[in-house]
Amino acid sequence: MGIVASMSRKGNCYDNAHVESFFHLLKTELIYSRHFETRDQAQQAIFEWIETWYNRQRRHSALDYLSPAEFEELAKAA
């Protein structure tokens, strides 16, 4: 099929720094500060954190420290 798994080198977090950064934020801002009774409860909390906070409100350095919503509004106005 021509599909090759993409994996970083063992012990080298810099190969996948953007994903390492994302998971660090997820763990420190959500996972370590709460106790989840069920797996479903944890999955729902993670989904909500990603969809309502990380993807919409959190300021991103790649967007000149604007939130994605702010960046989108500026792009629409341009």
PDB file of N, CA and C in Angstrom:
ATOM      1  N   MET A   1       0.819  -1.201   0.000  1.00  0.00           N
ATOM      2  CA  MET A   1       0.000   0.000   0.000  1.00  0.00           C
ATOM      3  C   MET A   1       0.856   1.255   0.000  1.00  0.00           C
ATOM      4  N   GLY A   2       2.133   1.161   0.300  1.00  0.00           N
ATOM      5  CA  GLY A   2       2.996   2.335   0.295  1.00  0.00           C
ATOM      6  C   GLY A   2       2.873   3.200   1.532  1.00  0.00           C
ATOM      7  N   ILE A   3       2.332   2.658   2.616  1.00  0.00           N
ATOM      8  CA  ILE A   3       2.171   3.419   3.857  1.00  0.00           C
ATOM      9  C   ILE A   3       3.307   3.052   4.806  1.00  0.00           C
ATOM     10  N   VAL A   4       3.966   4.074   5.338  1.00  0.00           N
ATOM     11  CA  VAL A   4       5.067   3.854   6.264  1.00  0.00           C
ATOM     12  C   VAL A   4       4.759   4.579   7.567  1.00  0.00           C
ATOM     13  N   ALA A   5       4.894   3.886   8.680  1.00  0.00           N
ATOM     14  CA  ALA A   5       4.662   4.510   9.985  1.00  0.00           C
ATOM     15  C   ALA A   5       5.733   5.560  10.237  1.00  0.00           C
ATOM     16  N   SER A   6       5.323   6.697  10.753  1.00  0.00           N
ATOM     17  CA  SER A   6       6.254   7.767  11.070  1.00  0.00           C
ATOM     18  C   SER A   6       6.532   7.741  12.564  1.00  0.00           C
ATOM     19  N   MET A   7       7.778   7.536  12.927  1.00  0.00           N
ATOM     20  CA  MET A   7       8.146   7.477  14.339  1.00  0.00           C
ATOM     21  C   MET A   7       9.439   8.245  14.543  1.00  0.00           C
ATOM     22  N   SER A   8       9.535   8.887  15.659  1.00  0.00           N
ATOM     23  CA  SER A   8      10.762   9.611  15.969  1.00  0.00           C
ATOM     24  C   SER A   8      11.808   8.642  16.501  1.00  0.00           C
ATOM     25  N   ARG A   9      13.015   9.137  16.574  1.00  0.00           N
ATOM     26  CA  ARG A   9      14.097   8.317  17.106  1.00  0.00           C
ATOM     27  C   ARG A   9      13.915   8.138  18.612  1.00  0.00           C
ATOM     28  N   LYS A  10      14.309   7.006  19.106  1.00  0.00           N
ATOM     29  CA  LYS A  10      14.194   6.705  20.528  1.00  0.00           C
ATOM     30  C   LYS A  10      14.971   7.731  21.348  1.00  0.00           C
ATOM     31  N   GLY A  11      14.310   8.300  22.350  1.00  0.00           N
ATOM     32  CA  GLY A  11      14.961   9.236  23.253  1.00  0.00           C
ATOM     33  C   GLY A  11      15.192  10.617  22.682  1.00  0.00           C
ATOM     34  N   ASN A  12      14.545  10.947  21.557  1.00  0.00           N
ATOM     35  CA  ASN A  12      14.748  12.265  20.955  1.00  0.00           C
ATOM     36  C   ASN A  12      13.405  12.979  20.826  1.00  0.00           C
ATOM     37  N   CYS A  13      13.041  13.739  21.836  1.00  0.00           N
ATOM     38  CA  CYS A  13      11.746  14.420  21.839  1.00  0.00           C
ATOM     39  C   CYS A  13      11.690  15.540  20.803  1.00  0.00           C
ATOM     40  N   TYR A  14      12.845  15.999  20.316  1.00  0.00           N
ATOM     41  CA  TYR A  14      12.862  17.110  19.364  1.00  0.00           C
ATOM     42  C   TYR A  14      12.330  16.706  17.993  1.00  0.00           C
ATOM     43  N   ASP A  15      12.306  15.413  17.687  1.00  0.00           N
ATOM     44  CA  ASP A  15      11.737  14.956  16.424  1.00  0.00           C
ATOM     45  C   ASP A  15      10.250  15.278  16.344  1.00  0.00           C
ATOM     46  N   ASN A  16       9.616  15.373  17.473  1.00  0.00           N
ATOM     47  CA  ASN A  16       8.166  15.536  17.526  1.00  0.00           C
ATOM     48  C   ASN A  16       7.805  16.622  18.537  1.00  0.00           C
ATOM     49  N   ALA A  17       8.542  17.718  18.523  1.00  0.00           N
ATOM     50  CA  ALA A  17       8.426  18.742  19.564  1.00  0.00           C
ATOM     51  C   ALA A  17       7.033  19.342  19.663  1.00  0.00           C
ATOM     52  N   HIS A  18       6.367  19.565  18.537  1.00  0.00           N
ATOM     53  CA  HIS A  18       5.042  20.186  18.590  1.00  0.00           C
ATOM     54  C   HIS A  18       4.028  19.288  19.293  1.00  0.00           C
ATOM     55  N   VAL A  19       4.126  17.993  19.093  1.00  0.00           N
ATOM     56  CA  VAL A  19       3.208  17.062  19.758  1.00  0.00           C
ATOM     57  C   VAL A  19       3.572  16.930  21.234  1.00  0.00           C
ATOM     58  N   GLU A  20       4.863  16.902  21.533  1.00  0.00           N
ATOM     59  CA  GLU A  20       5.304  16.858  22.929  1.00  0.00           C
ATOM     60  C   GLU A  20       4.785  18.082  23.683  1.00  0.00           C
ATOM     61  N   SER A  21       4.843  19.245  23.045  1.00  0.00           N
ATOM     62  CA  SER A  21       4.359  20.482  23.662  1.00  0.00           C
ATOM     63  C   SER A  21       2.854  20.417  23.917  1.00  0.00           C
ATOM     64  N   PHE A  22       2.102  19.921  22.935  1.00  0.00           N
ATOM     65  CA  PHE A  22       0.656  19.796  23.080  1.00  0.00           C
ATOM     66  C   PHE A  22       0.308  18.891  24.259  1.00  0.00           C
ATOM     67  N   PHE A  23       0.937  17.716  24.330  1.00  0.00           N
ATOM     68  CA  PHE A  23       0.617  16.782  25.410  1.00  0.00           C
ATOM     69  C   PHE A  23       1.058  17.310  26.769  1.00  0.00           C
ATOM     70  N   HIS A  24       2.146  18.071  26.810  1.00  0.00           N
ATOM     71  CA  HIS A  24       2.558  18.699  28.073  1.00  0.00           C
ATOM     72  C   HIS A  24       1.465  19.650  28.561  1.00  0.00           C
ATOM     73  N   LEU A  25       0.949  20.489  27.657  1.00  0.00           N
ATOM     74  CA  LEU A  25      -0.128  21.411  28.036  1.00  0.00           C
ATOM     75  C   LEU A  25      -1.376  20.657  28.479  1.00  0.00           C
ATOM     76  N   LEU A  26      -1.753  19.640  27.730  1.00  0.00           N
ATOM     77  CA  LEU A  26      -2.935  18.851  28.068  1.00  0.00           C
ATOM     78  C   LEU A  26      -2.805  18.259  29.469  1.00  0.00           C
ATOM     79  N   LYS A  27      -1.661  17.702  29.761  1.00  0.00           N
ATOM     80  CA  LYS A  27      -1.460  17.077  31.072  1.00  0.00           C
ATOM     81  C   LYS A  27      -1.439  18.101  32.198  1.00  0.00           C
ATOM     82  N   THR A  28      -0.702  19.202  32.025  1.00  0.00           N
ATOM     83  CA  THR A  28      -0.569  20.166  33.120  1.00  0.00           C
ATOM     84  C   THR A  28      -1.821  21.006  33.315  1.00  0.00           C
ATOM     85  N   GLU A  29      -2.534  21.327  32.238  1.00  0.00           N
ATOM     86  CA  GLU A  29      -3.709  22.182  32.363  1.00  0.00           C
ATOM     87  C   GLU A  29      -4.996  21.416  32.639  1.00  0.00           C
ATOM     88  N   LEU A  30      -5.031  20.121  32.340  1.00  0.00           N
ATOM     89  CA  LEU A  30      -6.277  19.379  32.515  1.00  0.00           C
ATOM     90  C   LEU A  30      -6.095  18.090  33.315  1.00  0.00           C
ATOM     91  N   ILE A  31      -5.289  17.202  32.834  1.00  0.00           N
ATOM     92  CA  ILE A  31      -5.221  15.850  33.386  1.00  0.00           C
ATOM     93  C   ILE A  31      -4.763  15.821  34.842  1.00  0.00           C
ATOM     94  N   TYR A  32      -3.664  16.504  35.158  1.00  0.00           N
ATOM     95  CA  TYR A  32      -3.108  16.434  36.512  1.00  0.00           C
ATOM     96  C   TYR A  32      -3.939  17.196  37.548  1.00  0.00           C
ATOM     97  N   SER A  33      -4.825  18.062  37.096  1.00  0.00           N
ATOM     98  CA  SER A  33      -5.595  18.874  38.040  1.00  0.00           C
ATOM     99  C   SER A  33      -6.975  18.294  38.341  1.00  0.00           C
ATOM    100  N   ARG A  34      -7.318  17.164  37.728  1.00  0.00           N
ATOM    101  CA  ARG A  34      -8.650  16.592  37.930  1.00  0.00           C
ATOM    102  C   ARG A  34      -8.578  15.096  38.175  1.00  0.00           C
ATOM    103  N   HIS A  35      -9.639  14.585  38.753  1.00  0.00           N
ATOM    104  CA  HIS A  35      -9.794  13.144  38.924  1.00  0.00           C
ATOM    105  C   HIS A  35     -11.012  12.727  38.115  1.00  0.00           C
ATOM    106  N   PHE A  36     -10.842  11.768  37.249  1.00  0.00           N
ATOM    107  CA  PHE A  36     -11.942  11.291  36.409  1.00  0.00           C
ATOM    108  C   PHE A  36     -12.426   9.952  36.928  1.00  0.00           C
ATOM    109  N   GLU A  37     -13.721   9.845  37.093  1.00  0.00           N
ATOM    110  CA  GLU A  37     -14.314   8.605  37.597  1.00  0.00           C
ATOM    111  C   GLU A  37     -14.330   7.516  36.530  1.00  0.00           C
ATOM    112  N   THR A  38     -14.534   7.909  35.277  1.00  0.00           N
ATOM    113  CA  THR A  38     -14.631   6.929  34.200  1.00  0.00           C
ATOM    114  C   THR A  38     -13.788   7.372  33.007  1.00  0.00           C
ATOM    115  N   ARG A  39     -13.520   6.421  32.140  1.00  0.00           N
ATOM    116  CA  ARG A  39     -12.798   6.717  30.900  1.00  0.00           C
ATOM    117  C   ARG A  39     -13.614   7.671  30.031  1.00  0.00           C
ATOM    118  N   ASP A  40     -14.930   7.458  29.968  1.00  0.00           N
ATOM    119  CA  ASP A  40     -15.796   8.336  29.178  1.00  0.00           C
ATOM    120  C   ASP A  40     -15.742   9.772  29.687  1.00  0.00           C
ATOM    121  N   GLN A  41     -15.720   9.936  30.993  1.00  0.00           N
ATOM    122  CA  GLN A  41     -15.629  11.268  31.589  1.00  0.00           C
ATOM    123  C   GLN A  41     -14.313  11.944  31.181  1.00  0.00           C
ATOM    124  N   ALA A  42     -13.237  11.203  31.195  1.00  0.00           N
ATOM    125  CA  ALA A  42     -11.934  11.746  30.787  1.00  0.00           C
ATOM    126  C   ALA A  42     -11.938  12.103  29.308  1.00  0.00           C
ATOM    127  N   GLN A  43     -12.490  11.233  28.476  1.00  0.00           N
ATOM    128  CA  GLN A  43     -12.545  11.507  27.037  1.00  0.00           C
ATOM    129  C   GLN A  43     -13.359  12.757  26.748  1.00  0.00           C
ATOM    130  N   GLN A  44     -14.473  12.931  27.429  1.00  0.00           N
ATOM    131  CA  GLN A  44     -15.312  14.112  27.221  1.00  0.00           C
ATOM    132  C   GLN A  44     -14.582  15.378  27.655  1.00  0.00           C
ATOM    133  N   ALA A  45     -13.897  15.325  28.782  1.00  0.00           N
ATOM    134  CA  ALA A  45     -13.156  16.491  29.270  1.00  0.00           C
ATOM    135  C   ALA A  45     -12.032  16.861  28.309  1.00  0.00           C
ATOM    136  N   ILE A  46     -11.335  15.863  27.793  1.00  0.00           N
ATOM    137  CA  ILE A  46     -10.254  16.125  26.835  1.00  0.00           C
ATOM    138  C   ILE A  46     -10.814  16.730  25.557  1.00  0.00           C
ATOM    139  N   PHE A  47     -11.907  16.174  25.055  1.00  0.00           N
ATOM    140  CA  PHE A  47     -12.542  16.711  23.850  1.00  0.00           C
ATOM    141  C   PHE A  47     -12.929  18.173  24.051  1.00  0.00           C
ATOM    142  N   GLU A  48     -13.569  18.468  25.170  1.00  0.00           N
ATOM    143  CA  GLU A  48     -13.993  19.845  25.439  1.00  0.00           C
ATOM    144  C   GLU A  48     -12.800  20.779  25.588  1.00  0.00           C
ATOM    145  N   TRP A  49     -11.728  20.329  26.241  1.00  0.00           N
ATOM    146  CA  TRP A  49     -10.527  21.157  26.403  1.00  0.00           C
ATOM    147  C   TRP A  49      -9.928  21.496  25.042  1.00  0.00           C
ATOM    148  N   ILE A  50      -9.852  20.497  24.169  1.00  0.00           N
ATOM    149  CA  ILE A  50      -9.279  20.730  22.840  1.00  0.00           C
ATOM    150  C   ILE A  50     -10.181  21.641  22.020  1.00  0.00           C
ATOM    151  N   GLU A  51     -11.464  21.343  21.965  1.00  0.00           N
ATOM    152  CA  GLU A  51     -12.379  22.086  21.092  1.00  0.00           C
ATOM    153  C   GLU A  51     -12.725  23.481  21.597  1.00  0.00           C
ATOM    154  N   THR A  52     -12.868  23.656  22.904  1.00  0.00           N
ATOM    155  CA  THR A  52     -13.281  24.976  23.397  1.00  0.00           C
ATOM    156  C   THR A  52     -12.117  25.847  23.830  1.00  0.00           C
ATOM    157  N   TRP A  53     -11.034  25.261  24.295  1.00  0.00           N
ATOM    158  CA  TRP A  53      -9.912  26.061  24.784  1.00  0.00           C
ATOM    159  C   TRP A  53      -8.752  26.064  23.797  1.00  0.00           C
ATOM    160  N   TYR A  54      -8.172  24.904  23.547  1.00  0.00           N
ATOM    161  CA  TYR A  54      -6.935  24.847  22.767  1.00  0.00           C
ATOM    162  C   TYR A  54      -7.138  25.333  21.330  1.00  0.00           C
ATOM    163  N   ASN A  55      -8.179  24.876  20.664  1.00  0.00           N
ATOM    164  CA  ASN A  55      -8.384  25.229  19.255  1.00  0.00           C
ATOM    165  C   ASN A  55      -9.066  26.570  19.039  1.00  0.00           C
ATOM    166  N   ARG A  56      -9.657  27.168  20.069  1.00  0.00           N
ATOM    167  CA  ARG A  56     -10.428  28.397  19.838  1.00  0.00           C
ATOM    168  C   ARG A  56      -9.962  29.606  20.643  1.00  0.00           C
ATOM    169  N   GLN A  57      -9.561  29.414  21.894  1.00  0.00           N
ATOM    170  CA  GLN A  57      -9.281  30.556  22.765  1.00  0.00           C
ATOM    171  C   GLN A  57      -7.809  30.743  23.104  1.00  0.00           C
ATOM    172  N   ARG A  58      -7.054  29.665  23.178  1.00  0.00           N
ATOM    173  CA  ARG A  58      -5.652  29.752  23.597  1.00  0.00           C
ATOM    174  C   ARG A  58      -4.832  30.553  22.592  1.00  0.00           C
ATOM    175  N   ARG A  59      -4.002  31.437  23.100  1.00  0.00           N
ATOM    176  CA  ARG A  59      -3.145  32.240  22.220  1.00  0.00           C
ATOM    177  C   ARG A  59      -2.002  31.368  21.698  1.00  0.00           C
ATOM    178  N   HIS A  60      -1.771  31.437  20.392  1.00  0.00           N
ATOM    179  CA  HIS A  60      -0.760  30.618  19.735  1.00  0.00           C
ATOM    180  C   HIS A  60       0.378  31.484  19.216  1.00  0.00           C
ATOM    181  N   SER A  61       1.599  31.083  19.483  1.00  0.00           N
ATOM    182  CA  SER A  61       2.754  31.852  19.004  1.00  0.00           C
ATOM    183  C   SER A  61       2.791  31.902  17.480  1.00  0.00           C
ATOM    184  N   ALA A  62       2.345  30.852  16.823  1.00  0.00           N
ATOM    185  CA  ALA A  62       2.338  30.831  15.355  1.00  0.00           C
ATOM    186  C   ALA A  62       1.349  31.836  14.773  1.00  0.00           C
ATOM    187  N   LEU A  63       0.412  32.309  15.585  1.00  0.00           N
ATOM    188  CA  LEU A  63      -0.587  33.293  15.134  1.00  0.00           C
ATOM    189  C   LEU A  63      -0.286  34.661  15.727  1.00  0.00           C
ATOM    190  N   ASP A  64       0.981  34.920  16.010  1.00  0.00           N
ATOM    191  CA  ASP A  64       1.412  36.189  16.606  1.00  0.00           C
ATOM    192  C   ASP A  64       0.709  36.429  17.945  1.00  0.00           C
ATOM    193  N   TYR A  65       0.554  35.364  18.707  1.00  0.00           N
ATOM    194  CA  TYR A  65      -0.061  35.372  20.041  1.00  0.00           C
ATOM    195  C   TYR A  65      -1.507  35.866  20.037  1.00  0.00           C
ATOM    196  N   LEU A  66      -2.208  35.564  18.959  1.00  0.00           N
ATOM    197  CA  LEU A  66      -3.652  35.764  18.902  1.00  0.00           C
ATOM    198  C   LEU A  66      -4.312  34.411  19.119  1.00  0.00           C
ATOM    199  N   SER A  67      -5.549  34.443  19.588  1.00  0.00           N
ATOM    200  CA  SER A  67      -6.294  33.191  19.658  1.00  0.00           C
ATOM    201  C   SER A  67      -6.734  32.850  18.232  1.00  0.00           C
ATOM    202  N   PRO A  68      -7.019  31.596  17.949  1.00  0.00           N
ATOM    203  CA  PRO A  68      -7.505  31.253  16.616  1.00  0.00           C
ATOM    204  C   PRO A  68      -8.766  32.027  16.231  1.00  0.00           C
ATOM    205  N   ALA A  69      -9.649  32.274  17.189  1.00  0.00           N
ATOM    206  CA  ALA A  69     -10.865  33.045  16.897  1.00  0.00           C
ATOM    207  C   ALA A  69     -10.520  34.482  16.510  1.00  0.00           C
ATOM    208  N   GLU A  70      -9.577  35.099  17.243  1.00  0.00           N
ATOM    209  CA  GLU A  70      -9.151  36.465  16.916  1.00  0.00           C
ATOM    210  C   GLU A  70      -8.474  36.512  15.549  1.00  0.00           C
ATOM    211  N   PHE A  71      -7.632  35.528  15.278  1.00  0.00           N
ATOM    212  CA  PHE A  71      -6.935  35.465  13.997  1.00  0.00           C
ATOM    213  C   PHE A  71      -7.926  35.321  12.847  1.00  0.00           C
ATOM    214  N   GLU A  72      -8.936  34.488  13.040  1.00  0.00           N
ATOM    215  CA  GLU A  72      -9.959  34.289  12.011  1.00  0.00           C
ATOM    216  C   GLU A  72     -10.730  35.577  11.743  1.00  0.00           C
ATOM    217  N   GLU A  73     -11.077  36.304  12.795  1.00  0.00           N
ATOM    218  CA  GLU A  73     -11.790  37.574  12.622  1.00  0.00           C
ATOM    219  C   GLU A  73     -10.946  38.585  11.855  1.00  0.00           C
ATOM    220  N   LEU A  74      -9.658  38.668  12.167  1.00  0.00           N
ATOM    221  CA  LEU A  74      -8.771  39.575  11.436  1.00  0.00           C
ATOM    222  C   LEU A  74      -8.654  39.169   9.972  1.00  0.00           C
ATOM    223  N   ALA A  75      -8.588  37.883   9.712  1.00  0.00           N
ATOM    224  CA  ALA A  75      -8.489  37.402   8.333  1.00  0.00           C
ATOM    225  C   ALA A  75      -9.759  37.715   7.549  1.00  0.00           C
ATOM    226  N   LYS A  76     -10.908  37.598   8.189  1.00  0.00           N
ATOM    227  CA  LYS A  76     -12.180  37.921   7.523  1.00  0.00           C
ATOM    228  C   LYS A  76     -12.280  39.409   7.219  1.00  0.00           C
ATOM    229  N   ALA A  77     -11.757  40.233   8.122  1.00  0.00           N
ATOM    230  CA  ALA A  77     -11.841  41.686   7.946  1.00  0.00           C
ATOM    231  C   ALA A  77     -10.870  42.192   6.882  1.00  0.00           C
ATOM    232  N   ALA A  78      -9.833  41.428   6.592  1.00  0.00           N
ATOM    233  CA  ALA A  78      -8.804  41.878   5.625  1.00  0.00           C
ATOM    234  C   ALA A  78      -9.266  41.780   4.193  1.00  0.00           C
TER     235      ALA A  78
END
